[in-house]
Amino acid sequence: MFIDPFVIRSINRSELRKKILLYLDEIYPTPTYLSEIARMVKSDPSNVKGALIGLGNRYNGHSSLVSLGLVEVVTDRGFKYYRLTDYGKKVVQLLKSYHSYYSKYT
C-alpha cells in the first residue's frame, strides 16, 4: 500500500499527532471521545482537537489526522468519537517499523 510522504512528514513534525495515532492503534477498532484521548496522551483537549481536525492558525487543518485520512469521526446520538482508519493502521505499522529500525542506532 502506498503511503503519502506528506503524511509521514506531518506525523513526524508533531509528537502529539504521533501519540494520538499510537493510542488509537492500541484501542483499535474501538472509537473513543476527545477528552479520553487527551487524558491518555496527557495533553490539553484543545491541542488534541487541533491535532485531530485542525484549529485556527496553530493547527493546520490540512495536516490534521482526519484530513490526512488517518482518523475518522464517528457520530453516534449527537456525540463525536474518533477511530483509526485502515489507512491509519497501516501508517502506524510503518511508524513502528521505522522506530524499531532506527532505535538500533541510538
PDB file of N, CA and C in Angstrom:
ATOM      1  N   MET A   1       0.839  -1.184   0.000  1.00  0.00           N
ATOM      2  CA  MET A   1       0.000   0.000   0.000  1.00  0.00           C
ATOM      3  C   MET A   1       0.880   1.243   0.000  1.00  0.00           C
ATOM      4  N   PHE A   2       0.555   2.198  -0.858  1.00  0.00           N
ATOM      5  CA  PHE A   2       1.292   3.458  -0.949  1.00  0.00           C
ATOM      6  C   PHE A   2       0.938   4.364   0.229  1.00  0.00           C
ATOM      7  N   ILE A   3       1.967   4.906   0.869  1.00  0.00           N
ATOM      8  CA  ILE A   3       1.754   5.878   1.944  1.00  0.00           C
ATOM      9  C   ILE A   3       2.377   7.188   1.501  1.00  0.00           C
ATOM     10  N   ASP A   4       1.550   8.217   1.466  1.00  0.00           N
ATOM     11  CA  ASP A   4       1.958   9.538   1.016  1.00  0.00           C
ATOM     12  C   ASP A   4       3.072  10.079   1.919  1.00  0.00           C
ATOM     13  N   PRO A   5       4.190  10.515   1.346  1.00  0.00           N
ATOM     14  CA  PRO A   5       5.281  11.077   2.149  1.00  0.00           C
ATOM     15  C   PRO A   5       4.853  12.311   2.960  1.00  0.00           C
ATOM     16  N   PHE A   6       3.871  13.068   2.460  1.00  0.00           N
ATOM     17  CA  PHE A   6       3.356  14.228   3.195  1.00  0.00           C
ATOM     18  C   PHE A   6       2.748  13.782   4.531  1.00  0.00           C
ATOM     19  N   VAL A   7       2.124  12.612   4.526  1.00  0.00           N
ATOM     20  CA  VAL A   7       1.527  12.073   5.749  1.00  0.00           C
ATOM     21  C   VAL A   7       2.619  11.780   6.776  1.00  0.00           C
ATOM     22  N   ILE A   8       3.664  11.111   6.361  1.00  0.00           N
ATOM     23  CA  ILE A   8       4.766  10.777   7.262  1.00  0.00           C
ATOM     24  C   ILE A   8       5.426  12.051   7.789  1.00  0.00           C
ATOM     25  N   ARG A   9       5.621  13.014   6.913  1.00  0.00           N
ATOM     26  CA  ARG A   9       6.222  14.288   7.325  1.00  0.00           C
ATOM     27  C   ARG A   9       5.354  14.995   8.354  1.00  0.00           C
ATOM     28  N   SER A  10       4.053  15.015   8.135  1.00  0.00           N
ATOM     29  CA  SER A  10       3.129  15.676   9.059  1.00  0.00           C
ATOM     30  C   SER A  10       3.156  15.016  10.437  1.00  0.00           C
ATOM     31  N   ILE A  11       3.223  13.709  10.460  1.00  0.00           N
ATOM     32  CA  ILE A  11       3.259  12.991  11.730  1.00  0.00           C
ATOM     33  C   ILE A  11       4.587  13.226  12.446  1.00  0.00           C
ATOM     34  N   ASN A  12       5.666  13.187  11.703  1.00  0.00           N
ATOM     35  CA  ASN A  12       6.980  13.381  12.317  1.00  0.00           C
ATOM     36  C   ASN A  12       7.182  14.805  12.831  1.00  0.00           C
ATOM     37  N   ARG A  13       6.420  15.741  12.339  1.00  0.00           N
ATOM     38  CA  ARG A  13       6.535  17.124  12.795  1.00  0.00           C
ATOM     39  C   ARG A  13       5.745  17.381  14.074  1.00  0.00           C
ATOM     40  N   SER A  14       4.954  16.427  14.525  1.00  0.00           N
ATOM     41  CA  SER A  14       4.130  16.635  15.708  1.00  0.00           C
ATOM     42  C   SER A  14       4.150  15.392  16.599  1.00  0.00           C
ATOM     43  N   GLU A  15       4.749  15.536  17.742  1.00  0.00           N
ATOM     44  CA  GLU A  15       4.785  14.429  18.702  1.00  0.00           C
ATOM     45  C   GLU A  15       3.378  14.091  19.183  1.00  0.00           C
ATOM     46  N   LEU A  16       2.518  15.106  19.292  1.00  0.00           N
ATOM     47  CA  LEU A  16       1.148  14.878  19.731  1.00  0.00           C
ATOM     48  C   LEU A  16       0.373  14.037  18.720  1.00  0.00           C
ATOM     49  N   ARG A  17       0.491  14.351  17.441  1.00  0.00           N
ATOM     50  CA  ARG A  17      -0.195  13.535  16.415  1.00  0.00           C
ATOM     51  C   ARG A  17       0.274  12.084  16.492  1.00  0.00           C
ATOM     52  N   LYS A  18       1.557  11.904  16.715  1.00  0.00           N
ATOM     53  CA  LYS A  18       2.114  10.545  16.809  1.00  0.00           C
ATOM     54  C   LYS A  18       1.533   9.815  18.021  1.00  0.00           C
ATOM     55  N   LYS A  19       1.473  10.492  19.176  1.00  0.00           N
ATOM     56  CA  LYS A  19       0.924   9.876  20.386  1.00  0.00           C
ATOM     57  C   LYS A  19      -0.544   9.495  20.202  1.00  0.00           C
ATOM     58  N   ILE A  20      -1.298  10.375  19.557  1.00  0.00           N
ATOM     59  CA  ILE A  20      -2.719  10.093  19.317  1.00  0.00           C
ATOM     60  C   ILE A  20      -2.869   8.861  18.438  1.00  0.00           C
ATOM     61  N   LEU A  21      -2.095   8.794  17.376  1.00  0.00           N
ATOM     62  CA  LEU A  21      -2.166   7.624  16.488  1.00  0.00           C
ATOM     63  C   LEU A  21      -1.817   6.336  17.229  1.00  0.00           C
ATOM     64  N   LEU A  22      -0.769   6.382  18.036  1.00  0.00           N
ATOM     65  CA  LEU A  22      -0.358   5.186  18.766  1.00  0.00           C
ATOM     66  C   LEU A  22      -1.419   4.759  19.777  1.00  0.00           C
ATOM     67  N   TYR A  23      -2.061   5.737  20.427  1.00  0.00           N
ATOM     68  CA  TYR A  23      -3.128   5.394  21.371  1.00  0.00           C
ATOM     69  C   TYR A  23      -4.326   4.787  20.640  1.00  0.00           C
ATOM     70  N   LEU A  24      -4.741   5.414  19.541  1.00  0.00           N
ATOM     71  CA  LEU A  24      -5.883   4.890  18.784  1.00  0.00           C
ATOM     72  C   LEU A  24      -5.578   3.497  18.218  1.00  0.00           C
ATOM     73  N   ASP A  25      -4.309   3.254  17.921  1.00  0.00           N
ATOM     74  CA  ASP A  25      -3.910   1.924  17.450  1.00  0.00           C
ATOM     75  C   ASP A  25      -4.068   0.898  18.568  1.00  0.00           C
ATOM     76  N   GLU A  26      -3.735   1.279  19.796  1.00  0.00           N
ATOM     77  CA  GLU A  26      -3.863   0.363  20.943  1.00  0.00           C
ATOM     78  C   GLU A  26      -5.303  -0.077  21.170  1.00  0.00           C
ATOM     79  N   ILE A  27      -6.254   0.833  20.967  1.00  0.00           N
ATOM     80  CA  ILE A  27      -7.651   0.518  21.271  1.00  0.00           C
ATOM     81  C   ILE A  27      -8.449   0.130  20.027  1.00  0.00           C
ATOM     82  N   TYR A  28      -7.793   0.079  18.870  1.00  0.00           N
ATOM     83  CA  TYR A  28      -8.458  -0.242  17.605  1.00  0.00           C
ATOM     84  C   TYR A  28      -9.196  -1.569  17.719  1.00  0.00           C
ATOM     85  N   PRO A  29     -10.396  -1.697  17.223  1.00  0.00           N
ATOM     86  CA  PRO A  29     -11.203  -0.796  16.395  1.00  0.00           C
ATOM     87  C   PRO A  29     -12.200   0.060  17.193  1.00  0.00           C
ATOM     88  N   THR A  30     -12.020   0.134  18.487  1.00  0.00           N
ATOM     89  CA  THR A  30     -12.950   0.882  19.328  1.00  0.00           C
ATOM     90  C   THR A  30     -12.773   2.387  19.145  1.00  0.00           C
ATOM     91  N   PRO A  31     -13.846   3.109  18.871  1.00  0.00           N
ATOM     92  CA  PRO A  31     -13.732   4.579  18.813  1.00  0.00           C
ATOM     93  C   PRO A  31     -13.747   5.160  20.230  1.00  0.00           C
ATOM     94  N   THR A  32     -13.211   6.343  20.395  1.00  0.00           N
ATOM     95  CA  THR A  32     -13.212   6.996  21.697  1.00  0.00           C
ATOM     96  C   THR A  32     -13.428   8.491  21.517  1.00  0.00           C
ATOM     97  N   TYR A  33     -13.700   9.172  22.594  1.00  0.00           N
ATOM     98  CA  TYR A  33     -14.023  10.586  22.516  1.00  0.00           C
ATOM     99  C   TYR A  33     -12.800  11.444  22.842  1.00  0.00           C
ATOM    100  N   LEU A  34     -12.906  12.711  22.489  1.00  0.00           N
ATOM    101  CA  LEU A  34     -11.792  13.636  22.545  1.00  0.00           C
ATOM    102  C   LEU A  34     -11.154  13.742  23.931  1.00  0.00           C
ATOM    103  N   SER A  35     -11.955  13.907  24.965  1.00  0.00           N
ATOM    104  CA  SER A  35     -11.371  14.092  26.302  1.00  0.00           C
ATOM    105  C   SER A  35     -10.666  12.829  26.791  1.00  0.00           C
ATOM    106  N   GLU A  36     -11.132  11.673  26.374  1.00  0.00           N
ATOM    107  CA  GLU A  36     -10.449  10.416  26.727  1.00  0.00           C
ATOM    108  C   GLU A  36      -9.083  10.356  26.044  1.00  0.00           C
ATOM    109  N   ILE A  37      -9.031  10.743  24.784  1.00  0.00           N
ATOM    110  CA  ILE A  37      -7.747  10.773  24.066  1.00  0.00           C
ATOM    111  C   ILE A  37      -6.799  11.737  24.775  1.00  0.00           C
ATOM    112  N   ALA A  38      -7.307  12.925  25.106  1.00  0.00           N
ATOM    113  CA  ALA A  38      -6.478  13.938  25.770  1.00  0.00           C
ATOM    114  C   ALA A  38      -5.912  13.410  27.085  1.00  0.00           C
ATOM    115  N   ARG A  39      -6.738  12.735  27.856  1.00  0.00           N
ATOM    116  CA  ARG A  39      -6.294  12.182  29.139  1.00  0.00           C
ATOM    117  C   ARG A  39      -5.209  11.124  28.925  1.00  0.00           C
ATOM    118  N   MET A  40      -5.396  10.272  27.946  1.00  0.00           N
ATOM    119  CA  MET A  40      -4.457   9.172  27.727  1.00  0.00           C
ATOM    120  C   MET A  40      -3.108   9.633  27.162  1.00  0.00           C
ATOM    121  N   VAL A  41      -3.125  10.689  26.341  1.00  0.00           N
ATOM    122  CA  VAL A  41      -1.864  11.180  25.774  1.00  0.00           C
ATOM    123  C   VAL A  41      -1.282  12.321  26.600  1.00  0.00           C
ATOM    124  N   LYS A  42      -1.976  12.643  27.721  1.00  0.00           N
ATOM    125  CA  LYS A  42      -1.523  13.686  28.651  1.00  0.00           C
ATOM    126  C   LYS A  42      -1.348  15.034  27.960  1.00  0.00           C
ATOM    127  N   SER A  43      -2.416  15.475  27.327  1.00  0.00           N
ATOM    128  CA  SER A  43      -2.407  16.763  26.638  1.00  0.00           C
ATOM    129  C   SER A  43      -3.730  17.471  26.861  1.00  0.00           C
ATOM    130  N   ASP A  44      -3.745  18.737  26.567  1.00  0.00           N
ATOM    131  CA  ASP A  44      -4.946  19.550  26.689  1.00  0.00           C
ATOM    132  C   ASP A  44      -5.946  19.163  25.583  1.00  0.00           C
ATOM    133  N   PRO A  45      -7.247  19.085  25.902  1.00  0.00           N
ATOM    134  CA  PRO A  45      -8.235  18.724  24.878  1.00  0.00           C
ATOM    135  C   PRO A  45      -8.224  19.640  23.645  1.00  0.00           C
ATOM    136  N   SER A  46      -7.941  20.931  23.828  1.00  0.00           N
ATOM    137  CA  SER A  46      -7.915  21.820  22.655  1.00  0.00           C
ATOM    138  C   SER A  46      -6.747  21.475  21.737  1.00  0.00           C
ATOM    139  N   ASN A  47      -5.613  21.068  22.299  1.00  0.00           N
ATOM    140  CA  ASN A  47      -4.485  20.646  21.463  1.00  0.00           C
ATOM    141  C   ASN A  47      -4.801  19.346  20.728  1.00  0.00           C
ATOM    142  N   VAL A  48      -5.469  18.436  21.419  1.00  0.00           N
ATOM    143  CA  VAL A  48      -5.856  17.169  20.793  1.00  0.00           C
ATOM    144  C   VAL A  48      -6.852  17.441  19.669  1.00  0.00           C
ATOM    145  N   LYS A  49      -7.802  18.320  19.918  1.00  0.00           N
ATOM    146  CA  LYS A  49      -8.766  18.671  18.869  1.00  0.00           C
ATOM    147  C   LYS A  49      -8.053  19.253  17.651  1.00  0.00           C
ATOM    148  N   GLY A  50      -7.081  20.114  17.897  1.00  0.00           N
ATOM    149  CA  GLY A  50      -6.299  20.679  16.795  1.00  0.00           C
ATOM    150  C   GLY A  50      -5.562  19.623  16.003  1.00  0.00           C
ATOM    151  N   ALA A  51      -4.969  18.665  16.699  1.00  0.00           N
ATOM    152  CA  ALA A  51      -4.248  17.591  16.012  1.00  0.00           C
ATOM    153  C   ALA A  51      -5.198  16.700  15.223  1.00  0.00           C
ATOM    154  N   LEU A  52      -6.399  16.499  15.760  1.00  0.00           N
ATOM    155  CA  LEU A  52      -7.368  15.629  15.094  1.00  0.00           C
ATOM    156  C   LEU A  52      -8.033  16.289  13.889  1.00  0.00           C
ATOM    157  N   ILE A  53      -8.533  17.519  14.071  1.00  0.00           N
ATOM    158  CA  ILE A  53      -9.325  18.132  12.995  1.00  0.00           C
ATOM    159  C   ILE A  53      -8.845  19.514  12.565  1.00  0.00           C
ATOM    160  N   GLY A  54      -7.819  20.055  13.222  1.00  0.00           N
ATOM    161  CA  GLY A  54      -7.331  21.386  12.906  1.00  0.00           C
ATOM    162  C   GLY A  54      -8.009  22.412  13.800  1.00  0.00           C
ATOM    163  N   LEU A  55      -7.316  23.515  14.014  1.00  0.00           N
ATOM    164  CA  LEU A  55      -7.854  24.527  14.916  1.00  0.00           C
ATOM    165  C   LEU A  55      -7.120  25.841  14.679  1.00  0.00           C
ATOM    166  N   GLY A  56      -7.700  26.704  13.864  1.00  0.00           N
ATOM    167  CA  GLY A  56      -7.122  28.029  13.642  1.00  0.00           C
ATOM    168  C   GLY A  56      -5.734  27.990  13.050  1.00  0.00           C
ATOM    169  N   ASN A  57      -4.929  28.961  13.437  1.00  0.00           N
ATOM    170  CA  ASN A  57      -3.571  29.090  12.886  1.00  0.00           C
ATOM    171  C   ASN A  57      -2.584  28.097  13.487  1.00  0.00           C
ATOM    172  N   ARG A  58      -2.831  27.723  14.729  1.00  0.00           N
ATOM    173  CA  ARG A  58      -1.865  26.872  15.412  1.00  0.00           C
ATOM    174  C   ARG A  58      -1.822  25.458  14.829  1.00  0.00           C
ATOM    175  N   TYR A  59      -2.974  24.918  14.513  1.00  0.00           N
ATOM    176  CA  TYR A  59      -3.040  23.581  13.934  1.00  0.00           C
ATOM    177  C   TYR A  59      -3.633  23.666  12.549  1.00  0.00           C
ATOM    178  N   ASN A  60      -2.813  23.364  11.591  1.00  0.00           N
ATOM    179  CA  ASN A  60      -3.197  23.439  10.196  1.00  0.00           C
ATOM    180  C   ASN A  60      -4.220  22.346   9.870  1.00  0.00           C
ATOM    181  N   GLY A  61      -5.355  22.738   9.315  1.00  0.00           N
ATOM    182  CA  GLY A  61      -6.415  21.784   9.012  1.00  0.00           C
ATOM    183  C   GLY A  61      -6.012  20.703   8.036  1.00  0.00           C
ATOM    184  N   HIS A  62      -5.233  21.042   7.008  1.00  0.00           N
ATOM    185  CA  HIS A  62      -4.884  20.012   6.019  1.00  0.00           C
ATOM    186  C   HIS A  62      -3.808  19.051   6.529  1.00  0.00           C
ATOM    187  N   SER A  63      -3.213  19.339   7.678  1.00  0.00           N
ATOM    188  CA  SER A  63      -2.269  18.412   8.296  1.00  0.00           C
ATOM    189  C   SER A  63      -2.893  17.652   9.460  1.00  0.00           C
ATOM    190  N   SER A  64      -4.189  17.850   9.674  1.00  0.00           N
ATOM    191  CA  SER A  64      -4.855  17.169  10.787  1.00  0.00           C
ATOM    192  C   SER A  64      -4.999  15.681  10.468  1.00  0.00           C
ATOM    193  N   LEU A  65      -5.136  14.892  11.502  1.00  0.00           N
ATOM    194  CA  LEU A  65      -5.228  13.448  11.331  1.00  0.00           C
ATOM    195  C   LEU A  65      -6.471  13.036  10.542  1.00  0.00           C
ATOM    196  N   VAL A  66      -7.562  13.762  10.716  1.00  0.00           N
ATOM    197  CA  VAL A  66      -8.786  13.456   9.960  1.00  0.00           C
ATOM    198  C   VAL A  66      -8.589  13.816   8.488  1.00  0.00           C
ATOM    199  N   SER A  67      -8.032  14.999   8.223  1.00  0.00           N
ATOM    200  CA  SER A  67      -7.818  15.418   6.828  1.00  0.00           C
ATOM    201  C   SER A  67      -6.836  14.516   6.092  1.00  0.00           C
ATOM    202  N   LEU A  68      -5.875  13.977   6.823  1.00  0.00           N
ATOM    203  CA  LEU A  68      -4.900  13.075   6.212  1.00  0.00           C
ATOM    204  C   LEU A  68      -5.472  11.683   5.971  1.00  0.00           C
ATOM    205  N   GLY A  69      -6.677  11.427   6.482  1.00  0.00           N
ATOM    206  CA  GLY A  69      -7.318  10.131   6.278  1.00  0.00           C
ATOM    207  C   GLY A  69      -6.873   9.060   7.253  1.00  0.00           C
ATOM    208  N   LEU A  70      -6.216   9.470   8.340  1.00  0.00           N
ATOM    209  CA  LEU A  70      -5.696   8.508   9.308  1.00  0.00           C
ATOM    210  C   LEU A  70      -6.701   8.195  10.411  1.00  0.00           C
ATOM    211  N   VAL A  71      -7.576   9.161  10.687  1.00  0.00           N
ATOM    212  CA  VAL A  71      -8.576   9.023  11.744  1.00  0.00           C
ATOM    213  C   VAL A  71      -9.925   9.401  11.155  1.00  0.00           C
ATOM    214  N   GLU A  72     -10.968   8.691  11.552  1.00  0.00           N
ATOM    215  CA  GLU A  72     -12.313   9.016  11.110  1.00  0.00           C
ATOM    216  C   GLU A  72     -13.149   9.479  12.292  1.00  0.00           C
ATOM    217  N   VAL A  73     -14.133  10.329  11.989  1.00  0.00           N
ATOM    218  CA  VAL A  73     -15.062  10.805  13.000  1.00  0.00           C
ATOM    219  C   VAL A  73     -16.303   9.934  12.919  1.00  0.00           C
ATOM    220  N   VAL A  74     -16.678   9.358  14.049  1.00  0.00           N
ATOM    221  CA  VAL A  74     -17.870   8.526  14.132  1.00  0.00           C
ATOM    222  C   VAL A  74     -18.877   9.287  14.983  1.00  0.00           C
ATOM    223  N   THR A  75     -20.040   9.595  14.413  1.00  0.00           N
ATOM    224  CA  THR A  75     -21.071  10.315  15.155  1.00  0.00           C
ATOM    225  C   THR A  75     -22.149   9.334  15.576  1.00  0.00           C
ATOM    226  N   ASP A  76     -22.461   9.337  16.864  1.00  0.00           N
ATOM    227  CA  ASP A  76     -23.475   8.447  17.413  1.00  0.00           C
ATOM    228  C   ASP A  76     -24.299   9.223  18.429  1.00  0.00           C
ATOM    229  N   ARG A  77     -25.587   9.367  18.152  1.00  0.00           N
ATOM    230  CA  ARG A  77     -26.522  10.079  19.024  1.00  0.00           C
ATOM    231  C   ARG A  77     -26.026  11.473  19.394  1.00  0.00           C
ATOM    232  N   GLY A  78     -25.463  12.163  18.417  1.00  0.00           N
ATOM    233  CA  GLY A  78     -25.018  13.530  18.624  1.00  0.00           C
ATOM    234  C   GLY A  78     -23.626  13.672  19.227  1.00  0.00           C
ATOM    235  N   PHE A  79     -22.973  12.580  19.542  1.00  0.00           N
ATOM    236  CA  PHE A  79     -21.628  12.622  20.110  1.00  0.00           C
ATOM    237  C   PHE A  79     -20.614  12.234  19.039  1.00  0.00           C
ATOM    238  N   LYS A  80     -19.437  12.867  19.094  1.00  0.00           N
ATOM    239  CA  LYS A  80     -18.374  12.563  18.141  1.00  0.00           C
ATOM    240  C   LYS A  80     -17.323  11.691  18.805  1.00  0.00           C
ATOM    241  N   TYR A  81     -16.977  10.642  18.103  1.00  0.00           N
ATOM    242  CA  TYR A  81     -15.930   9.728  18.541  1.00  0.00           C
ATOM    243  C   TYR A  81     -14.892   9.645  17.426  1.00  0.00           C
ATOM    244  N   TYR A  82     -13.697   9.235  17.776  1.00  0.00           N
ATOM    245  CA  TYR A  82     -12.600   9.161  16.807  1.00  0.00           C
ATOM    246  C   TYR A  82     -12.034   7.749  16.797  1.00  0.00           C
ATOM    247  N   ARG A  83     -11.752   7.271  15.582  1.00  0.00           N
ATOM    248  CA  ARG A  83     -11.244   5.908  15.410  1.00  0.00           C
ATOM    249  C   ARG A  83     -10.204   5.918  14.294  1.00  0.00           C
ATOM    250  N   LEU A  84      -9.209   5.095  14.435  1.00  0.00           N
ATOM    251  CA  LEU A  84      -8.185   4.916  13.421  1.00  0.00           C
ATOM    252  C   LEU A  84      -8.807   4.288  12.175  1.00  0.00           C
ATOM    253  N   THR A  85      -8.441   4.775  11.002  1.00  0.00           N
ATOM    254  CA  THR A  85      -8.909   4.171   9.755  1.00  0.00           C
ATOM    255  C   THR A  85      -7.976   3.015   9.385  1.00  0.00           C
ATOM    256  N   ASP A  86      -8.350   2.266   8.370  1.00  0.00           N
ATOM    257  CA  ASP A  86      -7.472   1.189   7.893  1.00  0.00           C
ATOM    258  C   ASP A  86      -6.145   1.760   7.401  1.00  0.00           C
ATOM    259  N   TYR A  87      -6.228   2.907   6.701  1.00  0.00           N
ATOM    260  CA  TYR A  87      -5.021   3.590   6.228  1.00  0.00           C
ATOM    261  C   TYR A  87      -4.179   4.037   7.427  1.00  0.00           C
ATOM    262  N   GLY A  88      -4.828   4.562   8.454  1.00  0.00           N
ATOM    263  CA  GLY A  88      -4.134   4.972   9.672  1.00  0.00           C
ATOM    264  C   GLY A  88      -3.422   3.813  10.330  1.00  0.00           C
ATOM    265  N   LYS A  89      -4.054   2.663  10.328  1.00  0.00           N
ATOM    266  CA  LYS A  89      -3.457   1.453  10.900  1.00  0.00           C
ATOM    267  C   LYS A  89      -2.173   1.088  10.151  1.00  0.00           C
ATOM    268  N   LYS A  90      -2.202   1.179   8.834  1.00  0.00           N
ATOM    269  CA  LYS A  90      -1.016   0.873   8.017  1.00  0.00           C
ATOM    270  C   LYS A  90       0.114   1.867   8.301  1.00  0.00           C
ATOM    271  N   VAL A  91      -0.253   3.145   8.457  1.00  0.00           N
ATOM    272  CA  VAL A  91       0.745   4.172   8.747  1.00  0.00           C
ATOM    273  C   VAL A  91       1.379   3.929  10.111  1.00  0.00           C
ATOM    274  N   VAL A  92       0.586   3.544  11.103  1.00  0.00           N
ATOM    275  CA  VAL A  92       1.129   3.248  12.431  1.00  0.00           C
ATOM    276  C   VAL A  92       2.091   2.060  12.351  1.00  0.00           C
ATOM    277  N   GLN A  93       1.749   1.039  11.582  1.00  0.00           N
ATOM    278  CA  GLN A  93       2.649  -0.112  11.422  1.00  0.00           C
ATOM    279  C   GLN A  93       3.986   0.334  10.826  1.00  0.00           C
ATOM    280  N   LEU A  94       3.924   1.234   9.845  1.00  0.00           N
ATOM    281  CA  LEU A  94       5.137   1.757   9.230  1.00  0.00           C
ATOM    282  C   LEU A  94       5.958   2.552  10.252  1.00  0.00           C
ATOM    283  N   LEU A  95       5.291   3.395  11.031  1.00  0.00           N
ATOM    284  CA  LEU A  95       5.985   4.184  12.057  1.00  0.00           C
ATOM    285  C   LEU A  95       6.671   3.275  13.075  1.00  0.00           C
ATOM    286  N   LYS A  96       5.984   2.226  13.480  1.00  0.00           N
ATOM    287  CA  LYS A  96       6.569   1.296  14.447  1.00  0.00           C
ATOM    288  C   LYS A  96       7.782   0.579  13.858  1.00  0.00           C
ATOM    289  N   SER A  97       7.720   0.218  12.586  1.00  0.00           N
ATOM    290  CA  SER A  97       8.859  -0.462  11.966  1.00  0.00           C
ATOM    291  C   SER A  97      10.041   0.501  11.807  1.00  0.00           C
ATOM    292  N   TYR A  98       9.771   1.766  11.467  1.00  0.00           N
ATOM    293  CA  TYR A  98      10.833   2.769  11.404  1.00  0.00           C
ATOM    294  C   TYR A  98      11.480   2.939  12.762  1.00  0.00           C
ATOM    295  N   HIS A  99      10.639   3.032  13.794  1.00  0.00           N
ATOM    296  CA  HIS A  99      11.156   3.248  15.145  1.00  0.00           C
ATOM    297  C   HIS A  99      12.050   2.089  15.578  1.00  0.00           C
ATOM    298  N   SER A 100      11.614   0.876  15.337  1.00  0.00           N
ATOM    299  CA  SER A 100      12.428  -0.275  15.750  1.00  0.00           C
ATOM    300  C   SER A 100      13.730  -0.327  14.948  1.00  0.00           C
ATOM    301  N   TYR A 101      13.701   0.074  13.677  1.00  0.00           N
ATOM    302  CA  TYR A 101      14.894   0.077  12.850  1.00  0.00           C
ATOM    303  C   TYR A 101      15.881   1.126  13.345  1.00  0.00           C
ATOM    304  N   TYR A 102      15.403   2.367  13.549  1.00  0.00           N
ATOM    305  CA  TYR A 102      16.305   3.446  13.936  1.00  0.00           C
ATOM    306  C   TYR A 102      16.747   3.364  15.386  1.00  0.00           C
ATOM    307  N   SER A 103      15.986   2.696  16.229  1.00  0.00           N
ATOM    308  CA  SER A 103      16.390   2.582  17.634  1.00  0.00           C
ATOM    309  C   SER A 103      17.647   1.733  17.798  1.00  0.00           C
ATOM    310  N   LYS A 104      17.975   0.924  16.802  1.00  0.00           N
ATOM    311  CA  LYS A 104      19.206   0.130  16.848  1.00  0.00           C
ATOM    312  C   LYS A 104      20.435   1.022  16.810  1.00  0.00           C
ATOM    313  N   TYR A 105      20.275   2.244  16.261  1.00  0.00           N
ATOM    314  CA  TYR A 105      21.426   3.126  16.057  1.00  0.00           C
ATOM    315  C   TYR A 105      21.497   4.282  17.030  1.00  0.00           C
ATOM    316  N   THR A 106      20.637   4.271  18.034  1.00  0.00           N
ATOM    317  CA  THR A 106      20.668   5.378  19.006  1.00  0.00           C
ATOM    318  C   THR A 106      21.103   4.903  20.360  1.00  0.00           C
TER     319      THR A 106
END
